[in-house]
Amino acid sequence: MGDSPLVRARDERRVLVALGLLFAFLLFEVVAALLGHSLALLADAGHMLSDVLALAMSAWALRLAQRPASGRWTFGLQRAEILSAAVNGVTLAAMALLIAVESVQRLITPHHVDGGVVLAVALTGVAVNLVATYVLAKADRGNLNVRGAYVHVLSDLYAFIATAAAGIVIIVAGWERADAVASLVVVALMARSSWGLLRDAGTILLQAAPEDLDLNDVRAHLTRVDHVLDVHDLHAWTVASGQTTLSAHVVVSEVCFNLGDAPRILDALQECLGEHFAIAHATFQLEPSTHESHEEGLHP
């Protein structure tokens, strides 16, 4: 199971390894950017800083998610992973906006840039991010939190490739605006990644039904269970990545309550969900058709 404590602990170690690699390189890149007067390197450093913060938050969220449910926290702290992904999306958007403003200013008024320094640091960044990307690619990217960390590092890899290209252009053609153009490429990558994370995290936090789950299909399967007449007030939402929860009111024949068939019907409903939709956590309310008059305003 991708959401087991063992998998989370393993993924946490992988995130920490990538965090160590990127933090060491961040320090190196800031010094090189200042010495080389390169906005592209500073942009990459800003992106790298967001990566470091994202990975630190991801590791923390993975640790919190391993805590068992207790007291008020009836689902444990698994939603920490989703909050982490949302914060990662916000930091990416904020960094993208800051870098975009400075990039446009430097397109209008270019600064002197040392192309050799830019190229050397960018190639080093490519190597470091390749290793970090490889480490995180082995983690469970079905987990939105881990995917957020992975997206940060992968977009930084692409950014370093763009920065290396800018360094070559500056060395060969002397066109120093290439540095600002490369920065805008970084901005585009960050904005794209930010939107994906915020969209997916927002969908979960607002408790929308999972995108790959058709509630009409779920209702159709459940009503095929013996003695089930109707299914209403059907809700499905995601607690954390890969963990879908469902609740429903199930109308059954009144005779079932007299014959004691309720436990068997509940077992059949749960087996139906597990077999067709891989949903393990569900709550059903069995009721006779006469109960409908007490449920005005409920979800169909």
C-alpha atoms as a PDB file:
ATOM      1  CA  MET A   1       0.000   0.000   0.000  1.00  0.00           C
ATOM      2  CA  GLY A   2       1.355   3.418  -1.011  1.00  0.00           C
ATOM      3  CA  ASP A   3      -0.054   4.985   2.152  1.00  0.00           C
ATOM      4  CA  SER A   4       1.453   2.534   4.667  1.00  0.00           C
ATOM      5  CA  PRO A   5       3.725   3.804   7.485  1.00  0.00           C
ATOM      6  CA  LEU A   6       6.603   1.751   6.046  1.00  0.00           C
ATOM      7  CA  VAL A   7       6.300   3.423   2.650  1.00  0.00           C
ATOM      8  CA  ARG A   8       5.995   6.860   4.250  1.00  0.00           C
ATOM      9  CA  ALA A   9       9.136   6.254   6.328  1.00  0.00           C
ATOM     10  CA  ARG A  10      11.026   5.144   3.221  1.00  0.00           C
ATOM     11  CA  ASP A  11       9.836   8.157   1.258  1.00  0.00           C
ATOM     12  CA  GLU A  12      10.822  10.443   4.134  1.00  0.00           C
ATOM     13  CA  ARG A  13      14.416   9.160   3.927  1.00  0.00           C
ATOM     14  CA  ARG A  14      14.490   9.774   0.179  1.00  0.00           C
ATOM     15  CA  VAL A  15      13.181  13.296   0.620  1.00  0.00           C
ATOM     16  CA  LEU A  16      15.846  14.003   3.258  1.00  0.00           C
ATOM     17  CA  VAL A  17      18.609  12.764   0.933  1.00  0.00           C
ATOM     18  CA  ALA A  18      17.388  15.092  -1.831  1.00  0.00           C
ATOM     19  CA  LEU A  19      17.096  17.906   0.724  1.00  0.00           C
ATOM     20  CA  GLY A  20      20.746  17.535   1.742  1.00  0.00           C
ATOM     21  CA  LEU A  21      21.925  17.616  -1.879  1.00  0.00           C
ATOM     22  CA  LEU A  22      19.932  20.720  -2.767  1.00  0.00           C
ATOM     23  CA  PHE A  23      20.807  22.651   0.375  1.00  0.00           C
ATOM     24  CA  ALA A  24      24.546  22.177  -0.223  1.00  0.00           C
ATOM     25  CA  PHE A  25      24.190  23.307  -3.811  1.00  0.00           C
ATOM     26  CA  LEU A  26      22.021  26.294  -2.820  1.00  0.00           C
ATOM     27  CA  LEU A  27      24.841  27.773  -0.763  1.00  0.00           C
ATOM     28  CA  PHE A  28      27.283  27.278  -3.639  1.00  0.00           C
ATOM     29  CA  GLU A  29      24.917  28.820  -6.201  1.00  0.00           C
ATOM     30  CA  VAL A  30      24.165  31.986  -4.226  1.00  0.00           C
ATOM     31  CA  VAL A  31      27.888  32.759  -3.973  1.00  0.00           C
ATOM     32  CA  ALA A  32      28.404  32.042  -7.688  1.00  0.00           C
ATOM     33  CA  ALA A  33      25.396  34.178  -8.708  1.00  0.00           C
ATOM     34  CA  LEU A  34      26.705  37.171  -6.765  1.00  0.00           C
ATOM     35  CA  LEU A  35      30.198  36.781  -8.195  1.00  0.00           C
ATOM     36  CA  GLY A  36      28.893  36.294 -11.741  1.00  0.00           C
ATOM     37  CA  HIS A  37      26.199  39.025 -11.553  1.00  0.00           C
ATOM     38  CA  SER A  38      23.699  36.533 -12.969  1.00  0.00           C
ATOM     39  CA  LEU A  39      19.963  36.967 -12.497  1.00  0.00           C
ATOM     40  CA  ALA A  40      19.364  33.543 -14.022  1.00  0.00           C
ATOM     41  CA  LEU A  41      21.507  31.980 -11.293  1.00  0.00           C
ATOM     42  CA  LEU A  42      19.774  34.062  -8.630  1.00  0.00           C
ATOM     43  CA  ALA A  43      16.446  32.953 -10.098  1.00  0.00           C
ATOM     44  CA  ASP A  44      17.608  29.367  -9.931  1.00  0.00           C
ATOM     45  CA  ALA A  45      18.808  29.964  -6.375  1.00  0.00           C
ATOM     46  CA  GLY A  46      15.384  31.358  -5.469  1.00  0.00           C
ATOM     47  CA  HIS A  47      13.767  28.350  -7.038  1.00  0.00           C
ATOM     48  CA  MET A  48      16.282  26.132  -5.237  1.00  0.00           C
ATOM     49  CA  LEU A  49      15.404  27.828  -1.949  1.00  0.00           C
ATOM     50  CA  SER A  50      11.742  27.037  -2.559  1.00  0.00           C
ATOM     51  CA  ASP A  51      12.821  23.466  -3.331  1.00  0.00           C
ATOM     52  CA  VAL A  52      14.728  23.210  -0.050  1.00  0.00           C
ATOM     53  CA  LEU A  53      11.766  24.578   1.905  1.00  0.00           C
ATOM     54  CA  ALA A  54       9.399  22.316  -0.006  1.00  0.00           C
ATOM     55  CA  LEU A  55      11.476  19.229   0.698  1.00  0.00           C
ATOM     56  CA  ALA A  56      11.835  20.136   4.375  1.00  0.00           C
ATOM     57  CA  MET A  57       8.075  20.619   4.635  1.00  0.00           C
ATOM     58  CA  SER A  58       7.427  17.398   2.720  1.00  0.00           C
ATOM     59  CA  ALA A  59       9.649  15.412   5.070  1.00  0.00           C
ATOM     60  CA  TRP A  60       7.892  16.974   8.057  1.00  0.00           C
ATOM     61  CA  ALA A  61       4.462  16.212   6.607  1.00  0.00           C
ATOM     62  CA  LEU A  62       5.464  12.599   5.923  1.00  0.00           C
ATOM     63  CA  ARG A  63       6.534  12.304   9.548  1.00  0.00           C
ATOM     64  CA  LEU A  64       3.234  13.794  10.802  1.00  0.00           C
ATOM     65  CA  ALA A  65       1.205  11.514   8.539  1.00  0.00           C
ATOM     66  CA  GLN A  66       2.694   8.467  10.286  1.00  0.00           C
ATOM     67  CA  ARG A  67       1.063   9.404  13.587  1.00  0.00           C
ATOM     68  CA  PRO A  68      -1.947   7.223  14.435  1.00  0.00           C
ATOM     69  CA  ALA A  69      -5.451   8.603  14.811  1.00  0.00           C
ATOM     70  CA  SER A  70      -6.256   9.740  18.332  1.00  0.00           C
ATOM     71  CA  GLY A  71      -8.532  12.135  20.207  1.00  0.00           C
ATOM     72  CA  ARG A  72      -9.820  14.941  17.976  1.00  0.00           C
ATOM     73  CA  TRP A  73      -7.651  13.798  15.059  1.00  0.00           C
ATOM     74  CA  THR A  74      -9.873  10.941  13.926  1.00  0.00           C
ATOM     75  CA  PHE A  75      -7.972  10.555  10.652  1.00  0.00           C
ATOM     76  CA  GLY A  76      -4.595  11.186  12.255  1.00  0.00           C
ATOM     77  CA  LEU A  77      -2.561  13.984  10.659  1.00  0.00           C
ATOM     78  CA  GLN A  78      -2.627  12.632   7.131  1.00  0.00           C
ATOM     79  CA  ARG A  79      -3.994  15.906   5.753  1.00  0.00           C
ATOM     80  CA  ALA A  80      -0.623  17.491   6.645  1.00  0.00           C
ATOM     81  CA  GLU A  81       0.600  16.082   3.330  1.00  0.00           C
ATOM     82  CA  ILE A  82      -2.067  17.975   1.422  1.00  0.00           C
ATOM     83  CA  LEU A  83      -1.398  21.205   3.323  1.00  0.00           C
ATOM     84  CA  SER A  84       2.306  20.796   2.520  1.00  0.00           C
ATOM     85  CA  ALA A  85       1.532  20.417  -1.180  1.00  0.00           C
ATOM     86  CA  ALA A  86      -0.676  23.535  -1.096  1.00  0.00           C
ATOM     87  CA  VAL A  87       2.025  25.607   0.620  1.00  0.00           C
ATOM     88  CA  ASN A  88       4.550  24.357  -1.940  1.00  0.00           C
ATOM     89  CA  GLY A  89       2.259  25.580  -4.694  1.00  0.00           C
ATOM     90  CA  VAL A  90       1.916  29.009  -3.079  1.00  0.00           C
ATOM     91  CA  THR A  91       5.685  29.414  -2.611  1.00  0.00           C
ATOM     92  CA  LEU A  92       6.288  28.481  -6.237  1.00  0.00           C
ATOM     93  CA  ALA A  93       3.767  31.099  -7.380  1.00  0.00           C
ATOM     94  CA  ALA A  94       5.280  33.796  -5.158  1.00  0.00           C
ATOM     95  CA  MET A  95       8.826  33.094  -6.340  1.00  0.00           C
ATOM     96  CA  ALA A  96       7.672  33.053  -9.959  1.00  0.00           C
ATOM     97  CA  LEU A  97       6.095  36.499  -9.588  1.00  0.00           C
ATOM     98  CA  LEU A  98       9.202  38.037  -8.002  1.00  0.00           C
ATOM     99  CA  ILE A  99      11.526  36.572 -10.614  1.00  0.00           C
ATOM    100  CA  ALA A 100       9.232  37.616 -13.484  1.00  0.00           C
ATOM    101  CA  VAL A 101       9.310  41.274 -12.393  1.00  0.00           C
ATOM    102  CA  GLU A 102      13.104  41.340 -12.158  1.00  0.00           C
ATOM    103  CA  SER A 103      13.485  39.474 -15.456  1.00  0.00           C
ATOM    104  CA  VAL A 104      11.401  42.023 -17.342  1.00  0.00           C
ATOM    105  CA  GLN A 105      13.438  44.849 -15.828  1.00  0.00           C
ATOM    106  CA  ARG A 106      16.654  43.203 -16.977  1.00  0.00           C
ATOM    107  CA  LEU A 107      15.279  42.646 -20.456  1.00  0.00           C
ATOM    108  CA  ILE A 108      14.738  46.399 -20.662  1.00  0.00           C
ATOM    109  CA  THR A 109      18.044  47.289 -18.978  1.00  0.00           C
ATOM    110  CA  PRO A 110      20.486  44.365 -19.308  1.00  0.00           C
ATOM    111  CA  HIS A 111      23.251  43.879 -16.713  1.00  0.00           C
ATOM    112  CA  HIS A 112      26.715  42.484 -17.308  1.00  0.00           C
ATOM    113  CA  VAL A 113      26.711  38.711 -16.853  1.00  0.00           C
ATOM    114  CA  ASP A 114      29.707  36.362 -16.673  1.00  0.00           C
ATOM    115  CA  GLY A 115      28.676  33.634 -19.120  1.00  0.00           C
ATOM    116  CA  GLY A 116      31.434  31.282 -17.997  1.00  0.00           C
ATOM    117  CA  VAL A 117      30.295  31.336 -14.384  1.00  0.00           C
ATOM    118  CA  VAL A 118      26.668  30.899 -15.425  1.00  0.00           C
ATOM    119  CA  LEU A 119      27.492  27.870 -17.581  1.00  0.00           C
ATOM    120  CA  ALA A 120      29.714  26.193 -14.992  1.00  0.00           C
ATOM    121  CA  VAL A 121      27.216  26.587 -12.165  1.00  0.00           C
ATOM    122  CA  ALA A 122      24.278  25.565 -14.346  1.00  0.00           C
ATOM    123  CA  LEU A 123      26.004  22.352 -15.437  1.00  0.00           C
ATOM    124  CA  THR A 124      26.800  21.563 -11.803  1.00  0.00           C
ATOM    125  CA  GLY A 125      23.152  22.224 -10.981  1.00  0.00           C
ATOM    126  CA  VAL A 126      22.041  19.851 -13.717  1.00  0.00           C
ATOM    127  CA  ALA A 127      24.196  17.099 -12.207  1.00  0.00           C
ATOM    128  CA  VAL A 128      22.956  17.705  -8.642  1.00  0.00           C
ATOM    129  CA  ASN A 129      19.316  17.859  -9.700  1.00  0.00           C
ATOM    130  CA  LEU A 130      19.650  14.727 -11.803  1.00  0.00           C
ATOM    131  CA  VAL A 131      20.719  12.843  -8.676  1.00  0.00           C
ATOM    132  CA  ALA A 132      17.959  14.413  -6.554  1.00  0.00           C
ATOM    133  CA  THR A 133      15.361  13.702  -9.234  1.00  0.00           C
ATOM    134  CA  TYR A 134      16.499  10.081  -9.440  1.00  0.00           C
ATOM    135  CA  VAL A 135      16.187   9.691  -5.674  1.00  0.00           C
ATOM    136  CA  LEU A 136      12.681  11.182  -5.559  1.00  0.00           C
ATOM    137  CA  ALA A 137      11.531   9.310  -8.679  1.00  0.00           C
ATOM    138  CA  LYS A 138      11.789   6.114  -6.635  1.00  0.00           C
ATOM    139  CA  ALA A 139       9.363   7.470  -4.007  1.00  0.00           C
ATOM    140  CA  ASP A 140       5.584   7.090  -4.162  1.00  0.00           C
ATOM    141  CA  ARG A 141       4.543   9.951  -6.449  1.00  0.00           C
ATOM    142  CA  GLY A 142       0.915   8.963  -6.062  1.00  0.00           C
ATOM    143  CA  ASN A 143       1.263  10.871  -2.790  1.00  0.00           C
ATOM    144  CA  LEU A 144       0.507  14.543  -3.590  1.00  0.00           C
ATOM    145  CA  ASN A 145       3.033  15.744  -1.033  1.00  0.00           C
ATOM    146  CA  VAL A 146       5.850  13.653  -2.542  1.00  0.00           C
ATOM    147  CA  ARG A 147       4.763  14.703  -6.030  1.00  0.00           C
ATOM    148  CA  GLY A 148       5.010  18.333  -4.936  1.00  0.00           C
ATOM    149  CA  ALA A 149       8.606  17.795  -3.831  1.00  0.00           C
ATOM    150  CA  TYR A 150       9.401  15.906  -7.024  1.00  0.00           C
ATOM    151  CA  VAL A 151       7.875  18.622  -9.223  1.00  0.00           C
ATOM    152  CA  HIS A 152       9.964  21.273  -7.463  1.00  0.00           C
ATOM    153  CA  VAL A 153      13.179  19.377  -8.185  1.00  0.00           C
ATOM    154  CA  LEU A 154      12.250  18.383 -11.734  1.00  0.00           C
ATOM    155  CA  SER A 155      11.322  21.938 -12.719  1.00  0.00           C
ATOM    156  CA  ASP A 156      14.622  23.110 -11.236  1.00  0.00           C
ATOM    157  CA  LEU A 157      16.434  20.574 -13.414  1.00  0.00           C
ATOM    158  CA  TYR A 158      14.764  22.032 -16.500  1.00  0.00           C
ATOM    159  CA  ALA A 159      15.589  25.515 -15.257  1.00  0.00           C
ATOM    160  CA  PHE A 160      19.287  24.686 -14.988  1.00  0.00           C
ATOM    161  CA  ILE A 161      19.238  23.330 -18.528  1.00  0.00           C
ATOM    162  CA  ALA A 162      17.759  26.646 -19.688  1.00  0.00           C
ATOM    163  CA  THR A 163      20.358  28.562 -17.667  1.00  0.00           C
ATOM    164  CA  ALA A 164      23.187  26.520 -19.194  1.00  0.00           C
ATOM    165  CA  ALA A 165      21.838  27.384 -22.633  1.00  0.00           C
ATOM    166  CA  ALA A 166      21.838  31.077 -21.646  1.00  0.00           C
ATOM    167  CA  GLY A 167      25.450  30.793 -20.510  1.00  0.00           C
ATOM    168  CA  ILE A 168      26.456  29.360 -23.886  1.00  0.00           C
ATOM    169  CA  VAL A 169      24.624  32.153 -25.735  1.00  0.00           C
ATOM    170  CA  ILE A 170      26.366  34.794 -23.610  1.00  0.00           C
ATOM    171  CA  ILE A 171      29.788  33.234 -24.212  1.00  0.00           C
ATOM    172  CA  VAL A 172      29.323  32.708 -27.959  1.00  0.00           C
ATOM    173  CA  ALA A 173      27.202  35.723 -28.969  1.00  0.00           C
ATOM    174  CA  GLY A 174      27.663  38.119 -26.076  1.00  0.00           C
ATOM    175  CA  TRP A 175      23.877  38.591 -25.829  1.00  0.00           C
ATOM    176  CA  GLU A 176      23.458  39.223 -22.103  1.00  0.00           C
ATOM    177  CA  ARG A 177      19.662  39.421 -22.295  1.00  0.00           C
ATOM    178  CA  ALA A 178      19.753  35.635 -22.669  1.00  0.00           C
ATOM    179  CA  ASP A 179      20.167  35.549 -18.883  1.00  0.00           C
ATOM    180  CA  ALA A 180      16.822  37.282 -18.376  1.00  0.00           C
ATOM    181  CA  VAL A 181      15.159  35.125 -21.034  1.00  0.00           C
ATOM    182  CA  ALA A 182      16.336  32.005 -19.207  1.00  0.00           C
ATOM    183  CA  SER A 183      14.870  33.462 -16.017  1.00  0.00           C
ATOM    184  CA  LEU A 184      11.486  33.796 -17.700  1.00  0.00           C
ATOM    185  CA  VAL A 185      11.704  30.148 -18.719  1.00  0.00           C
ATOM    186  CA  VAL A 186      12.201  29.348 -15.035  1.00  0.00           C
ATOM    187  CA  VAL A 187       9.135  31.476 -14.237  1.00  0.00           C
ATOM    188  CA  ALA A 188       6.985  29.590 -16.748  1.00  0.00           C
ATOM    189  CA  LEU A 189       8.038  26.245 -15.279  1.00  0.00           C
ATOM    190  CA  MET A 190       7.372  27.410 -11.733  1.00  0.00           C
ATOM    191  CA  ALA A 191       3.942  28.819 -12.642  1.00  0.00           C
ATOM    192  CA  ARG A 192       2.929  25.586 -14.356  1.00  0.00           C
ATOM    193  CA  SER A 193       4.029  23.469 -11.405  1.00  0.00           C
ATOM    194  CA  SER A 194       2.351  25.822  -8.949  1.00  0.00           C
ATOM    195  CA  TRP A 195      -0.988  25.632 -10.738  1.00  0.00           C
ATOM    196  CA  GLY A 196      -0.929  21.820 -10.786  1.00  0.00           C
ATOM    197  CA  LEU A 197      -0.202  21.567  -7.065  1.00  0.00           C
ATOM    198  CA  LEU A 198      -2.746  24.199  -6.027  1.00  0.00           C
ATOM    199  CA  ARG A 199      -5.440  22.677  -8.227  1.00  0.00           C
ATOM    200  CA  ASP A 200      -4.954  19.154  -6.859  1.00  0.00           C
ATOM    201  CA  ALA A 201      -4.513  20.246  -3.238  1.00  0.00           C
ATOM    202  CA  GLY A 202      -7.536  22.533  -3.469  1.00  0.00           C
ATOM    203  CA  THR A 203      -9.664  19.725  -4.885  1.00  0.00           C
ATOM    204  CA  ILE A 204      -8.824  17.560  -1.878  1.00  0.00           C
ATOM    205  CA  LEU A 205      -9.155  20.302   0.737  1.00  0.00           C
ATOM    206  CA  LEU A 206     -12.574  21.283  -0.656  1.00  0.00           C
ATOM    207  CA  GLN A 207     -13.548  17.602  -0.465  1.00  0.00           C
ATOM    208  CA  ALA A 208     -14.506  17.167  -4.097  1.00  0.00           C
ATOM    209  CA  ALA A 209     -15.056  13.624  -5.272  1.00  0.00           C
ATOM    210  CA  PRO A 210     -11.872  12.082  -6.733  1.00  0.00           C
ATOM    211  CA  GLU A 211     -11.515  12.824 -10.432  1.00  0.00           C
ATOM    212  CA  ASP A 212     -11.248   9.150 -11.354  1.00  0.00           C
ATOM    213  CA  LEU A 213     -14.393   8.180  -9.422  1.00  0.00           C
ATOM    214  CA  ASP A 214     -17.790   8.407 -11.171  1.00  0.00           C
ATOM    215  CA  LEU A 215     -20.455   8.639  -8.451  1.00  0.00           C
ATOM    216  CA  ASN A 216     -23.174   7.580 -10.896  1.00  0.00           C
ATOM    217  CA  ASP A 217     -21.182   4.419 -11.552  1.00  0.00           C
ATOM    218  CA  VAL A 218     -20.770   3.867  -7.798  1.00  0.00           C
ATOM    219  CA  ARG A 219     -24.510   4.300  -7.261  1.00  0.00           C
ATOM    220  CA  ALA A 220     -25.294   1.893 -10.102  1.00  0.00           C
ATOM    221  CA  HIS A 221     -23.066  -0.818  -8.604  1.00  0.00           C
ATOM    222  CA  LEU A 222     -24.428  -0.387  -5.094  1.00  0.00           C
ATOM    223  CA  THR A 223     -28.067  -0.614  -6.227  1.00  0.00           C
ATOM    224  CA  ARG A 224     -27.304  -4.009  -7.788  1.00  0.00           C
ATOM    225  CA  VAL A 225     -26.705  -5.457  -4.334  1.00  0.00           C
ATOM    226  CA  ASP A 226     -29.583  -7.686  -3.248  1.00  0.00           C
ATOM    227  CA  HIS A 227     -32.415  -5.912  -1.395  1.00  0.00           C
ATOM    228  CA  VAL A 228     -31.021  -2.435  -2.160  1.00  0.00           C
ATOM    229  CA  LEU A 229     -33.746  -0.198  -3.570  1.00  0.00           C
ATOM    230  CA  ASP A 230     -31.970   3.133  -3.797  1.00  0.00           C
ATOM    231  CA  VAL A 231     -28.792   5.024  -2.820  1.00  0.00           C
ATOM    232  CA  HIS A 232     -28.815   8.715  -1.965  1.00  0.00           C
ATOM    233  CA  ASP A 233     -26.860  11.302   0.015  1.00  0.00           C
ATOM    234  CA  LEU A 234     -23.804   9.772  -1.644  1.00  0.00           C
ATOM    235  CA  HIS A 235     -20.505  11.496  -0.842  1.00  0.00           C
ATOM    236  CA  ALA A 236     -16.910  10.607  -1.693  1.00  0.00           C
ATOM    237  CA  TRP A 237     -13.792  12.562  -0.809  1.00  0.00           C
ATOM    238  CA  THR A 238     -10.072  12.144  -0.383  1.00  0.00           C
ATOM    239  CA  VAL A 239      -8.564  12.246   3.106  1.00  0.00           C
ATOM    240  CA  ALA A 240      -4.995  12.107   1.810  1.00  0.00           C
ATOM    241  CA  SER A 241      -3.379  10.964  -1.429  1.00  0.00           C
ATOM    242  CA  GLY A 242      -4.780   7.626  -2.502  1.00  0.00           C
ATOM    243  CA  GLN A 243      -7.204   7.382   0.439  1.00  0.00           C
ATOM    244  CA  THR A 244     -10.786   7.732  -0.704  1.00  0.00           C
ATOM    245  CA  THR A 245     -13.613   7.743   1.841  1.00  0.00           C
ATOM    246  CA  LEU A 246     -17.285   7.299   0.994  1.00  0.00           C
ATOM    247  CA  SER A 247     -20.605   7.637   2.810  1.00  0.00           C
ATOM    248  CA  ALA A 248     -24.132   6.932   1.618  1.00  0.00           C
ATOM    249  CA  HIS A 249     -27.704   6.388   2.726  1.00  0.00           C
ATOM    250  CA  VAL A 250     -28.923   3.045   1.384  1.00  0.00           C
ATOM    251  CA  VAL A 251     -32.635   2.304   1.112  1.00  0.00           C
ATOM    252  CA  VAL A 252     -33.393  -1.405   1.543  1.00  0.00           C
ATOM    253  CA  SER A 253     -36.527  -3.527   1.721  1.00  0.00           C
ATOM    254  CA  GLU A 254     -38.251  -3.210   5.078  1.00  0.00           C
ATOM    255  CA  VAL A 255     -38.360  -6.964   5.438  1.00  0.00           C
ATOM    256  CA  CYS A 256     -34.553  -6.947   5.762  1.00  0.00           C
ATOM    257  CA  PHE A 257     -34.803  -5.303   9.172  1.00  0.00           C
ATOM    258  CA  ASN A 258     -37.266  -7.931  10.349  1.00  0.00           C
ATOM    259  CA  LEU A 259     -35.158 -10.843   9.095  1.00  0.00           C
ATOM    260  CA  GLY A 260     -31.846  -9.499  10.410  1.00  0.00           C
ATOM    261  CA  ASP A 261     -30.277  -9.177   6.939  1.00  0.00           C
ATOM    262  CA  ALA A 262     -28.650  -5.790   7.646  1.00  0.00           C
ATOM    263  CA  PRO A 263     -25.172  -7.179   8.513  1.00  0.00           C
ATOM    264  CA  ARG A 264     -25.079  -9.261   5.323  1.00  0.00           C
ATOM    265  CA  ILE A 265     -26.132  -6.282   3.204  1.00  0.00           C
ATOM    266  CA  LEU A 266     -23.430  -4.122   4.763  1.00  0.00           C
ATOM    267  CA  ASP A 267     -20.827  -6.784   3.966  1.00  0.00           C
ATOM    268  CA  ALA A 268     -22.058  -6.977   0.378  1.00  0.00           C
ATOM    269  CA  LEU A 269     -21.948  -3.188  -0.041  1.00  0.00           C
ATOM    270  CA  GLN A 270     -18.395  -3.008   1.291  1.00  0.00           C
ATOM    271  CA  GLU A 271     -17.275  -5.897  -0.920  1.00  0.00           C
ATOM    272  CA  CYS A 272     -18.799  -4.120  -3.915  1.00  0.00           C
ATOM    273  CA  LEU A 273     -16.797  -0.952  -3.214  1.00  0.00           C
ATOM    274  CA  GLY A 274     -13.575  -2.846  -2.602  1.00  0.00           C
ATOM    275  CA  GLU A 275     -13.924  -4.969  -5.726  1.00  0.00           C
ATOM    276  CA  HIS A 276     -14.981  -2.308  -8.209  1.00  0.00           C
ATOM    277  CA  PHE A 277     -13.534   0.923  -6.800  1.00  0.00           C
ATOM    278  CA  ALA A 278     -10.769  -0.043  -4.336  1.00  0.00           C
ATOM    279  CA  ILE A 279     -12.463   1.943  -1.553  1.00  0.00           C
ATOM    280  CA  ALA A 280     -11.756   0.419   1.866  1.00  0.00           C
ATOM    281  CA  HIS A 281     -13.248   3.102   4.161  1.00  0.00           C
ATOM    282  CA  ALA A 282     -16.983   3.632   3.788  1.00  0.00           C
ATOM    283  CA  THR A 283     -19.948   4.417   6.028  1.00  0.00           C
ATOM    284  CA  PHE A 284     -23.431   3.256   5.095  1.00  0.00           C
ATOM    285  CA  GLN A 285     -26.736   4.160   6.703  1.00  0.00           C
ATOM    286  CA  LEU A 286     -29.349   1.505   5.995  1.00  0.00           C
ATOM    287  CA  GLU A 287     -32.905   2.799   6.064  1.00  0.00           C
ATOM    288  CA  PRO A 288     -36.412   1.868   4.923  1.00  0.00           C
ATOM    289  CA  SER A 289     -38.128   3.874   2.201  1.00  0.00           C
ATOM    290  CA  THR A 290     -40.416   5.444   4.832  1.00  0.00           C
ATOM    291  CA  HIS A 291     -37.424   7.298   6.270  1.00  0.00           C
ATOM    292  CA  GLU A 292     -37.147   9.554   3.188  1.00  0.00           C
ATOM    293  CA  SER A 293     -39.566  12.148   4.612  1.00  0.00           C
ATOM    294  CA  HIS A 294     -37.017  12.891   7.382  1.00  0.00           C
ATOM    295  CA  GLU A 295     -34.213  13.742   4.963  1.00  0.00           C
ATOM    296  CA  GLU A 296     -35.217  16.960   3.247  1.00  0.00           C
ATOM    297  CA  GLY A 297     -32.364  18.868   1.629  1.00  0.00           C
ATOM    298  CA  LEU A 298     -29.881  16.013   1.558  1.00  0.00           C
ATOM    299  CA  HIS A 299     -27.563  15.427  -1.343  1.00  0.00           C
ATOM    300  CA  PRO A 300     -29.157  13.156  -4.000  1.00  0.00           C
END
